[in-house]
Protein backbone atom coordinates (compact mmCIF):
# COMPACT_ATOMS: atom_id res chain seq x y z
CA MET A 1 161.53 130.60 135.51
CA ASP A 2 160.58 127.42 133.91
CA ARG A 3 162.52 126.72 130.68
CA GLU A 4 159.61 123.82 129.51
CA ALA A 5 156.90 126.45 130.26
CA PHE A 6 158.77 128.93 128.25
CA ARG A 7 159.08 126.30 125.44
CA SER A 8 155.64 125.06 125.64
CA TRP A 9 154.53 128.79 125.55
CA LEU A 10 156.79 129.24 122.28
CA VAL A 11 155.23 125.71 120.88
CA SER A 12 151.50 126.98 121.20
CA LYS A 13 151.96 130.12 118.93
CA GLU A 14 152.14 129.64 115.05
CA PRO A 15 156.14 129.39 113.86
CA ASP A 16 156.38 132.43 111.92
CA GLU A 17 153.83 134.91 114.88
CA THR A 18 155.92 137.78 116.77
CA VAL A 19 157.03 136.81 120.47
CA GLY A 20 158.88 139.80 121.22
CA LYS A 21 162.39 141.89 119.70
CA THR A 22 165.18 141.86 120.24
CA ASN A 23 166.56 144.30 122.40
CA THR A 24 163.77 145.38 124.33
CA PRO A 25 163.95 144.80 127.95
CA LEU A 26 160.16 145.20 127.77
CA GLY A 27 159.20 143.59 125.08
CA CYS A 28 162.08 140.55 124.49
CA PRO A 29 160.29 136.78 124.17
CA LEU A 30 160.86 135.96 127.78
CA SER A 31 159.05 139.40 128.73
CA THR A 32 156.38 138.95 126.72
CA TYR A 33 155.91 135.44 128.11
CA LEU A 34 156.39 136.69 131.87
CA GLU A 35 153.59 139.20 131.28
CA THR A 36 151.19 136.52 130.34
CA GLN A 37 152.44 134.78 133.57
CA TYR A 38 151.94 137.42 136.21
CA GLY A 39 148.88 140.34 133.92
CA ARG A 40 151.57 143.05 134.41
CA MET A 41 154.27 144.18 132.19
CA CYS A 42 158.11 142.85 133.26
CA ILE A 43 161.04 143.99 132.20
CA VAL A 44 164.34 141.27 131.30
CA GLY A 45 167.95 142.23 131.41
CA SER A 46 170.71 140.46 131.16
CA ASP A 47 170.60 138.62 134.56
CA SER A 48 167.45 139.53 136.34
CA TRP A 49 163.77 140.53 136.24
CA ARG A 50 161.25 142.20 137.26
CA ILE A 51 157.78 142.75 137.37
CA VAL A 52 156.29 146.64 136.53
CA THR A 53 153.69 148.11 138.75
CA PHE A 54 152.18 151.23 138.49
CA ALA A 55 151.63 153.31 141.69
CA SER A 56 150.98 156.92 140.08
CA GLU A 57 152.25 158.04 137.04
CA PHE A 58 156.14 157.17 137.13
CA PRO A 59 156.63 153.27 136.76
CA ALA A 60 157.82 152.05 140.45
CA MET A 61 159.53 148.76 140.39
CA ASP A 62 157.37 145.98 142.14
CA GLY A 63 160.21 144.35 144.63
CA ASN A 64 163.67 143.33 143.97
CA ASN A 65 164.45 141.71 140.85
CA HIS A 66 164.75 137.64 140.31
CA ASP A 67 168.08 136.45 139.05
CA LEU A 68 167.62 135.15 135.58
CA PRO A 69 168.38 131.03 135.32
CA ASP A 70 171.51 130.37 133.19
CA TRP A 71 169.51 129.03 130.27
CA ALA A 72 167.73 132.76 130.34
CA ARG A 73 170.49 134.23 130.28
CA THR A 74 172.03 132.80 127.94
CA PHE A 75 168.68 133.01 125.84
CA ILE A 76 168.68 137.14 126.01
CA HIS A 77 172.60 137.18 124.68
CA GLU A 78 171.51 135.16 121.25
CA ILE A 79 168.11 136.57 120.54
CA ASP A 80 169.85 140.15 121.10
CA SER A 81 172.75 139.41 119.44
CA LYS A 82 170.23 138.53 116.45
CA ILE A 83 170.09 142.82 116.06
CA ARG A 84 173.63 142.66 115.13
CA GLN A 85 173.05 140.29 111.94
CA ALA A 86 169.86 142.39 111.11
CA PRO A 87 169.01 144.48 107.87
CA MET A 88 169.72 148.07 107.93
CA SER A 89 165.66 148.39 107.61
CA ALA A 90 164.85 146.82 111.48
CA ASP A 91 163.70 149.35 113.53
CA TRP A 92 166.31 151.31 115.92
CA ASP A 93 166.25 149.76 118.96
CA GLY A 94 165.33 145.54 117.58
CA VAL A 95 163.81 143.58 115.14
CA TYR A 96 161.47 141.24 115.70
CA VAL A 97 161.46 137.46 116.96
CA THR A 98 159.11 134.91 115.72
CA ALA A 99 158.70 131.59 118.14
CA LYS A 100 160.17 130.08 115.58
CA ASP A 101 163.37 131.80 116.01
CA ALA A 102 162.55 131.62 119.49
CA LEU A 103 162.40 128.26 119.94
CA THR A 104 165.11 127.61 117.36
CA THR A 105 167.68 129.36 119.33
CA LEU A 106 166.62 127.95 123.09
CA ASP A 107 166.59 124.45 121.64
CA ALA A 108 170.53 125.26 121.37
CA ILE A 109 170.97 126.21 124.35
CA ASP A 110 172.84 123.63 126.37
């Protein structure tokens, strides 16, 4: 996973465009980005990611987990921590993340 490619993808979005949700393995900003790269749903965890395939009525995982680089692990942690700062009206499973918020979070990572 390439940090600069992810950053370029975020920059290509309108600042207020939703690029994902916090605390959502199938909808976090990295998952949304990976889906654009692979054309299939991707699950992103705290330290790895997978491509989801549908060989039957139940989703099957495609191959082994792919390790996340350190910057991506930190990004996930920082984005997911935003749920603790969300107002009580936020969805139970996360808050929406804009391109601006994701880019700000990414750029703050060493």
